């Protein structure tokens, strides 16, 4: 990994396993934030209509994101 800040460069060598773990952690964090944003947007749209359909949509989104996160991290 190479990081640069204020004209200073730092290089950190990682093993393949460490690099894979870092990649997986980044993907999991991105999917988590994406899911939170999706839920927030759905709640805004459906805030006046808390119906069974709204709950079903949230449940489906939750399951999809959980499945994708599990697949990435295994």
PDB file of N, CA and C in Angstrom:
ATOM      1  N   UNK A   1       0.853  -1.161   0.000  1.00  0.00           N
ATOM      2  CA  UNK A   1       0.000   0.000   0.000  1.00  0.00           C
ATOM      3  C   UNK A   1       0.900   1.224   0.000  1.00  0.00           C
ATOM      4  N   UNK A   2       0.513   2.232  -0.769  1.00  0.00           N
ATOM      5  CA  UNK A   2       1.250   3.488  -0.810  1.00  0.00           C
ATOM      6  C   UNK A   2       0.294   4.601  -0.431  1.00  0.00           C
ATOM      7  N   UNK A   3       0.680   5.415   0.534  1.00  0.00           N
ATOM      8  CA  UNK A   3      -0.138   6.548   0.960  1.00  0.00           C
ATOM      9  C   UNK A   3       0.713   7.807   0.885  1.00  0.00           C
ATOM     10  N   UNK A   4       0.139   8.884   0.372  1.00  0.00           N
ATOM     11  CA  UNK A   4       0.867  10.144   0.273  1.00  0.00           C
ATOM     12  C   UNK A   4       0.052  11.243   0.934  1.00  0.00           C
ATOM     13  N   UNK A   5       0.730  12.061   1.726  1.00  0.00           N
ATOM     14  CA  UNK A   5       0.062  13.154   2.414  1.00  0.00           C
ATOM     15  C   UNK A   5       1.079  14.246   2.703  1.00  0.00           C
ATOM     16  N   UNK A   6       0.758  15.446   2.355  1.00  0.00           N
ATOM     17  CA  UNK A   6       1.624  16.600   2.618  1.00  0.00           C
ATOM     18  C   UNK A   6       3.045  16.388   2.099  1.00  0.00           C
ATOM     19  N   UNK A   7       3.146  15.810   0.901  1.00  0.00           N
ATOM     20  CA  UNK A   7       4.441  15.612   0.284  1.00  0.00           C
ATOM     21  C   UNK A   7       5.241  14.443   0.826  1.00  0.00           C
ATOM     22  N   UNK A   8       4.690  13.705   1.755  1.00  0.00           N
ATOM     23  CA  UNK A   8       5.370  12.565   2.359  1.00  0.00           C
ATOM     24  C   UNK A   8       4.720  11.286   1.847  1.00  0.00           C
ATOM     25  N   UNK A   9       5.518  10.307   1.457  1.00  0.00           N
ATOM     26  CA  UNK A   9       5.006   9.046   0.937  1.00  0.00           C
ATOM     27  C   UNK A   9       5.398   7.911   1.873  1.00  0.00           C
ATOM     28  N   UNK A  10       4.427   7.064   2.190  1.00  0.00           N
ATOM     29  CA  UNK A  10       4.661   5.906   3.050  1.00  0.00           C
ATOM     30  C   UNK A  10       4.257   4.662   2.270  1.00  0.00           C
ATOM     31  N   UNK A  11       5.136   3.689   2.220  1.00  0.00           N
ATOM     32  CA  UNK A  11       4.852   2.428   1.537  1.00  0.00           C
ATOM     33  C   UNK A  11       4.787   1.319   2.571  1.00  0.00           C
ATOM     34  N   UNK A  12       3.702   0.550   2.548  1.00  0.00           N
ATOM     35  CA  UNK A  12       3.524  -0.574   3.469  1.00  0.00           C
ATOM     36  C   UNK A  12       3.316  -1.831   2.626  1.00  0.00           C
ATOM     37  N   UNK A  13       4.193  -2.794   2.805  1.00  0.00           N
ATOM     38  CA  UNK A  13       4.068  -4.049   2.070  1.00  0.00           C
ATOM     39  C   UNK A  13       3.149  -4.989   2.843  1.00  0.00           C
ATOM     40  N   UNK A  14       2.269  -5.635   2.113  1.00  0.00           N
ATOM     41  CA  UNK A  14       1.327  -6.566   2.732  1.00  0.00           C
ATOM     42  C   UNK A  14       1.435  -7.906   2.035  1.00  0.00           C
ATOM     43  N   UNK A  15       1.130  -8.950   2.787  1.00  0.00           N
ATOM     44  CA  UNK A  15       1.078 -10.278   2.177  1.00  0.00           C
ATOM     45  C   UNK A  15      -0.208 -10.382   1.352  1.00  0.00           C
ATOM     46  N   UNK A  16      -0.303 -11.422   0.558  1.00  0.00           N
ATOM     47  CA  UNK A  16      -1.509 -11.614  -0.246  1.00  0.00           C
ATOM     48  C   UNK A  16      -2.741 -11.780   0.645  1.00  0.00           C
ATOM     49  N   UNK A  17      -2.585 -12.509   1.734  1.00  0.00           N
ATOM     50  CA  UNK A  17      -3.710 -12.726   2.660  1.00  0.00           C
ATOM     51  C   UNK A  17      -4.155 -11.403   3.290  1.00  0.00           C
ATOM     52  N   UNK A  18      -3.196 -10.571   3.688  1.00  0.00           N
ATOM     53  CA  UNK A  18      -3.540  -9.271   4.282  1.00  0.00           C
ATOM     54  C   UNK A  18      -4.232  -8.375   3.261  1.00  0.00           C
ATOM     55  N   UNK A  19      -3.737  -8.406   2.014  1.00  0.00           N
ATOM     56  CA  UNK A  19      -4.359  -7.602   0.963  1.00  0.00           C
ATOM     57  C   UNK A  19      -5.788  -8.076   0.696  1.00  0.00           C
ATOM     58  N   UNK A  20      -5.978  -9.389   0.684  1.00  0.00           N
ATOM     59  CA  UNK A  20      -7.325  -9.931   0.480  1.00  0.00           C
ATOM     60  C   UNK A  20      -8.254  -9.549   1.623  1.00  0.00           C
ATOM     61  N   UNK A  21      -7.755  -9.605   2.849  1.00  0.00           N
ATOM     62  CA  UNK A  21      -8.569  -9.211   4.004  1.00  0.00           C
ATOM     63  C   UNK A  21      -8.956  -7.738   3.919  1.00  0.00           C
ATOM     64  N   UNK A  22      -8.024  -6.893   3.514  1.00  0.00           N
ATOM     65  CA  UNK A  22      -8.306  -5.467   3.361  1.00  0.00           C
ATOM     66  C   UNK A  22      -9.343  -5.213   2.286  1.00  0.00           C
ATOM     67  N   UNK A  23      -9.216  -5.917   1.160  1.00  0.00           N
ATOM     68  CA  UNK A  23     -10.198  -5.804   0.079  1.00  0.00           C
ATOM     69  C   UNK A  23     -11.581  -6.212   0.552  1.00  0.00           C
ATOM     70  N   UNK A  24     -11.651  -7.343   1.266  1.00  0.00           N
ATOM     71  CA  UNK A  24     -12.941  -7.834   1.751  1.00  0.00           C
ATOM     72  C   UNK A  24     -13.566  -6.869   2.749  1.00  0.00           C
ATOM     73  N   UNK A  25     -12.746  -6.304   3.631  1.00  0.00           N
ATOM     74  CA  UNK A  25     -13.260  -5.352   4.621  1.00  0.00           C
ATOM     75  C   UNK A  25     -13.794  -4.092   3.935  1.00  0.00           C
ATOM     76  N   UNK A  26     -13.091  -3.632   2.915  1.00  0.00           N
ATOM     77  CA  UNK A  26     -13.550  -2.457   2.173  1.00  0.00           C
ATOM     78  C   UNK A  26     -14.876  -2.746   1.475  1.00  0.00           C
ATOM     79  N   UNK A  27     -14.976  -3.900   0.826  1.00  0.00           N
ATOM     80  CA  UNK A  27     -16.215  -4.265   0.137  1.00  0.00           C
ATOM     81  C   UNK A  27     -17.373  -4.368   1.119  1.00  0.00           C
ATOM     82  N   UNK A  28     -17.126  -4.969   2.273  1.00  0.00           N
ATOM     83  CA  UNK A  28     -18.180  -5.115   3.284  1.00  0.00           C
ATOM     84  C   UNK A  28     -18.644  -3.747   3.786  1.00  0.00           C
ATOM     85  N   UNK A  29     -17.694  -2.847   4.016  1.00  0.00           N
ATOM     86  CA  UNK A  29     -18.045  -1.497   4.478  1.00  0.00           C
ATOM     87  C   UNK A  29     -18.841  -0.740   3.422  1.00  0.00           C
ATOM     88  N   UNK A  30     -18.431  -0.860   2.165  1.00  0.00           N
ATOM     89  CA  UNK A  30     -19.154  -0.177   1.084  1.00  0.00           C
ATOM     90  C   UNK A  30     -20.576  -0.706   0.950  1.00  0.00           C
ATOM     91  N   UNK A  31     -20.740  -2.024   0.983  1.00  0.00           N
ATOM     92  CA  UNK A  31     -22.082  -2.597   0.888  1.00  0.00           C
ATOM     93  C   UNK A  31     -22.940  -2.210   2.088  1.00  0.00           C
ATOM     94  N   UNK A  32     -22.338  -2.148   3.259  1.00  0.00           N
ATOM     95  CA  UNK A  32     -23.080  -1.726   4.451  1.00  0.00           C
ATOM     96  C   UNK A  32     -23.587  -0.299   4.322  1.00  0.00           C
ATOM     97  N   UNK A  33     -22.718   0.590   3.848  1.00  0.00           N
ATOM     98  CA  UNK A  33     -23.140   1.987   3.669  1.00  0.00           C
ATOM     99  C   UNK A  33     -24.176   2.111   2.564  1.00  0.00           C
ATOM    100  N   UNK A  34     -23.988   1.344   1.487  1.00  0.00           N
ATOM    101  CA  UNK A  34     -24.956   1.369   0.395  1.00  0.00           C
ATOM    102  C   UNK A  34     -26.320   0.901   0.887  1.00  0.00           C
ATOM    103  N   UNK A  35     -26.340  -0.171   1.671  1.00  0.00           N
ATOM    104  CA  UNK A  35     -27.603  -0.672   2.204  1.00  0.00           C
ATOM    105  C   UNK A  35     -28.272   0.374   3.090  1.00  0.00           C
ATOM    106  N   UNK A  36     -27.499   1.015   3.943  1.00  0.00           N
ATOM    107  CA  UNK A  36     -28.063   2.052   4.817  1.00  0.00           C
ATOM    108  C   UNK A  36     -28.671   3.179   4.002  1.00  0.00           C
ATOM    109  N   UNK A  37     -27.987   3.572   2.932  1.00  0.00           N
ATOM    110  CA  UNK A  37     -28.497   4.639   2.075  1.00  0.00           C
ATOM    111  C   UNK A  37     -29.795   4.192   1.383  1.00  0.00           C
ATOM    112  N   UNK A  38     -29.818   2.958   0.888  1.00  0.00           N
ATOM    113  CA  UNK A  38     -31.019   2.443   0.219  1.00  0.00           C
ATOM    114  C   UNK A  38     -32.194   2.429   1.188  1.00  0.00           C
ATOM    115  N   UNK A  39     -31.981   1.932   2.399  1.00  0.00           N
ATOM    116  CA  UNK A  39     -33.049   1.885   3.398  1.00  0.00           C
ATOM    117  C   UNK A  39     -33.540   3.301   3.708  1.00  0.00           C
ATOM    118  N   UNK A  40     -32.608   4.229   3.853  1.00  0.00           N
ATOM    119  CA  UNK A  40     -32.970   5.621   4.136  1.00  0.00           C
ATOM    120  C   UNK A  40     -33.843   6.188   3.007  1.00  0.00           C
ATOM    121  N   UNK A  41     -33.443   5.958   1.767  1.00  0.00           N
ATOM    122  CA  UNK A  41     -34.209   6.462   0.621  1.00  0.00           C
ATOM    123  C   UNK A  41     -35.596   5.824   0.552  1.00  0.00           C
ATOM    124  N   UNK A  42     -35.670   4.528   0.802  1.00  0.00           N
ATOM    125  CA  UNK A  42     -36.969   3.849   0.793  1.00  0.00           C
ATOM    126  C   UNK A  42     -37.859   4.405   1.893  1.00  0.00           C
ATOM    127  N   UNK A  43     -37.291   4.635   3.071  1.00  0.00           N
ATOM    128  CA  UNK A  43     -38.075   5.185   4.178  1.00  0.00           C
ATOM    129  C   UNK A  43     -38.617   6.573   3.854  1.00  0.00           C
ATOM    130  N   UNK A  44     -37.829   7.383   3.162  1.00  0.00           N
ATOM    131  CA  UNK A  44     -38.301   8.712   2.765  1.00  0.00           C
ATOM    132  C   UNK A  44     -39.501   8.586   1.841  1.00  0.00           C
ATOM    133  N   UNK A  45     -39.370   7.725   0.837  1.00  0.00           N
ATOM    134  CA  UNK A  45     -40.438   7.567  -0.154  1.00  0.00           C
ATOM    135  C   UNK A  45     -41.697   6.984   0.483  1.00  0.00           C
ATOM    136  N   UNK A  46     -41.520   6.038   1.367  1.00  0.00           N
ATOM    137  CA  UNK A  46     -42.665   5.326   1.926  1.00  0.00           C
ATOM    138  C   UNK A  46     -43.083   5.823   3.308  1.00  0.00           C
ATOM    139  N   UNK A  47     -42.544   6.950   3.740  1.00  0.00           N
ATOM    140  CA  UNK A  47     -42.808   7.410   5.103  1.00  0.00           C
ATOM    141  C   UNK A  47     -44.298   7.647   5.368  1.00  0.00           C
ATOM    142  N   UNK A  48     -45.019   8.015   4.335  1.00  0.00           N
ATOM    143  CA  UNK A  48     -46.447   8.240   4.544  1.00  0.00           C
ATOM    144  C   UNK A  48     -47.258   6.953   4.399  1.00  0.00           C
ATOM    145  N   UNK A  49     -46.634   5.896   3.885  1.00  0.00           N
ATOM    146  CA  UNK A  49     -47.362   4.648   3.655  1.00  0.00           C
ATOM    147  C   UNK A  49     -46.582   3.472   4.230  1.00  0.00           C
ATOM    148  N   UNK A  50     -46.572   3.304   5.519  1.00  0.00           N
ATOM    149  CA  UNK A  50     -45.906   2.153   6.132  1.00  0.00           C
ATOM    150  C   UNK A  50     -46.800   0.931   5.962  1.00  0.00           C
ATOM    151  N   UNK A  51     -46.622   0.264   4.853  1.00  0.00           N
ATOM    152  CA  UNK A  51     -47.471  -0.873   4.535  1.00  0.00           C
ATOM    153  C   UNK A  51     -46.681  -2.174   4.587  1.00  0.00           C
ATOM    154  N   UNK A  52     -47.353  -3.239   4.346  1.00  0.00           N
ATOM    155  CA  UNK A  52     -46.715  -4.545   4.282  1.00  0.00           C
ATOM    156  C   UNK A  52     -45.724  -4.573   3.126  1.00  0.00           C
ATOM    157  N   UNK A  53     -46.066  -3.923   2.017  1.00  0.00           N
ATOM    158  CA  UNK A  53     -45.168  -3.877   0.859  1.00  0.00           C
ATOM    159  C   UNK A  53     -43.862  -3.173   1.215  1.00  0.00           C
ATOM    160  N   UNK A  54     -43.931  -2.103   1.960  1.00  0.00           N
ATOM    161  CA  UNK A  54     -42.725  -1.371   2.360  1.00  0.00           C
ATOM    162  C   UNK A  54     -41.835  -2.252   3.221  1.00  0.00           C
ATOM    163  N   UNK A  55     -42.428  -2.949   4.158  1.00  0.00           N
ATOM    164  CA  UNK A  55     -41.642  -3.839   5.015  1.00  0.00           C
ATOM    165  C   UNK A  55     -41.020  -4.980   4.213  1.00  0.00           C
ATOM    166  N   UNK A  56     -41.762  -5.484   3.241  1.00  0.00           N
ATOM    167  CA  UNK A  56     -41.258  -6.556   2.388  1.00  0.00           C
ATOM    168  C   UNK A  56     -40.066  -6.077   1.562  1.00  0.00           C
ATOM    169  N   UNK A  57     -40.148  -4.880   1.013  1.00  0.00           N
ATOM    170  CA  UNK A  57     -39.041  -4.317   0.239  1.00  0.00           C
ATOM    171  C   UNK A  57     -37.792  -4.194   1.110  1.00  0.00           C
ATOM    172  N   UNK A  58     -37.959  -3.684   2.324  1.00  0.00           N
ATOM    173  CA  UNK A  58     -36.818  -3.539   3.228  1.00  0.00           C
ATOM    174  C   UNK A  58     -36.219  -4.900   3.579  1.00  0.00           C
ATOM    175  N   UNK A  59     -37.054  -5.878   3.807  1.00  0.00           N
ATOM    176  CA  UNK A  59     -36.579  -7.221   4.123  1.00  0.00           C
ATOM    177  C   UNK A  59     -35.798  -7.814   2.957  1.00  0.00           C
ATOM    178  N   UNK A  60     -36.314  -7.662   1.754  1.00  0.00           N
ATOM    179  CA  UNK A  60     -35.637  -8.189   0.565  1.00  0.00           C
ATOM    180  C   UNK A  60     -34.285  -7.510   0.375  1.00  0.00           C
ATOM    181  N   UNK A  61     -34.239  -6.182   0.506  1.00  0.00           N
ATOM    182  CA  UNK A  61     -32.963  -5.459   0.375  1.00  0.00           C
ATOM    183  C   UNK A  61     -31.974  -5.935   1.429  1.00  0.00           C
ATOM    184  N   UNK A  62     -32.443  -6.120   2.628  1.00  0.00           N
ATOM    185  CA  UNK A  62     -31.578  -6.585   3.702  1.00  0.00           C
ATOM    186  C   UNK A  62     -30.986  -7.952   3.373  1.00  0.00           C
ATOM    187  N   UNK A  63     -31.815  -8.861   2.899  1.00  0.00           N
ATOM    188  CA  UNK A  63     -31.354 -10.216   2.564  1.00  0.00           C
ATOM    189  C   UNK A  63     -30.349 -10.189   1.417  1.00  0.00           C
ATOM    190  N   UNK A  64     -30.609  -9.371   0.406  1.00  0.00           N
ATOM    191  CA  UNK A  64     -29.697  -9.287  -0.745  1.00  0.00           C
ATOM    192  C   UNK A  64     -28.333  -8.773  -0.318  1.00  0.00           C
ATOM    193  N   UNK A  65     -28.320  -7.694   0.445  1.00  0.00           N
ATOM    194  CA  UNK A  65     -27.046  -7.129   0.889  1.00  0.00           C
ATOM    195  C   UNK A  65     -26.313  -8.104   1.793  1.00  0.00           C
ATOM    196  N   UNK A  66     -27.022  -8.789   2.672  1.00  0.00           N
ATOM    197  CA  UNK A  66     -26.384  -9.774   3.548  1.00  0.00           C
ATOM    198  C   UNK A  66     -25.775 -10.900   2.733  1.00  0.00           C
ATOM    199  N   UNK A  67     -26.501 -11.373   1.721  1.00  0.00           N
ATOM    200  CA  UNK A  67     -25.997 -12.454   0.869  1.00  0.00           C
ATOM    201  C   UNK A  67     -24.737 -12.020   0.126  1.00  0.00           C
ATOM    202  N   UNK A  68     -24.766 -10.824  -0.470  1.00  0.00           N
ATOM    203  CA  UNK A  68     -23.618 -10.334  -1.216  1.00  0.00           C
ATOM    204  C   UNK A  68     -22.418 -10.142  -0.279  1.00  0.00           C
ATOM    205  N   UNK A  69     -22.654  -9.584   0.886  1.00  0.00           N
ATOM    206  CA  UNK A  69     -21.571  -9.381   1.853  1.00  0.00           C
ATOM    207  C   UNK A  69     -20.968 -10.717   2.264  1.00  0.00           C
ATOM    208  N   UNK A  70     -21.795 -11.700   2.525  1.00  0.00           N
ATOM    209  CA  UNK A  70     -21.296 -13.013   2.914  1.00  0.00           C
ATOM    210  C   UNK A  70     -20.488 -13.650   1.786  1.00  0.00           C
ATOM    211  N   UNK A  71     -20.942 -13.495   0.549  1.00  0.00           N
ATOM    212  CA  UNK A  71     -20.232 -14.078  -0.600  1.00  0.00           C
ATOM    213  C   UNK A  71     -18.875 -13.413  -0.789  1.00  0.00           C
ATOM    214  N   UNK A  72     -18.802 -12.109  -0.598  1.00  0.00           N
ATOM    215  CA  UNK A  72     -17.547 -11.400  -0.772  1.00  0.00           C
ATOM    216  C   UNK A  72     -16.545 -11.794   0.302  1.00  0.00           C
ATOM    217  N   UNK A  73     -17.025 -11.950   1.506  1.00  0.00           N
ATOM    218  CA  UNK A  73     -16.126 -12.174   2.647  1.00  0.00           C
ATOM    219  C   UNK A  73     -15.812 -13.638   2.899  1.00  0.00           C
ATOM    220  N   UNK A  74     -16.227 -14.536   2.022  1.00  0.00           N
ATOM    221  CA  UNK A  74     -15.889 -15.948   2.209  1.00  0.00           C
ATOM    222  C   UNK A  74     -14.994 -16.432   1.101  1.00  0.00           C
TER     223      UNK A  74
END
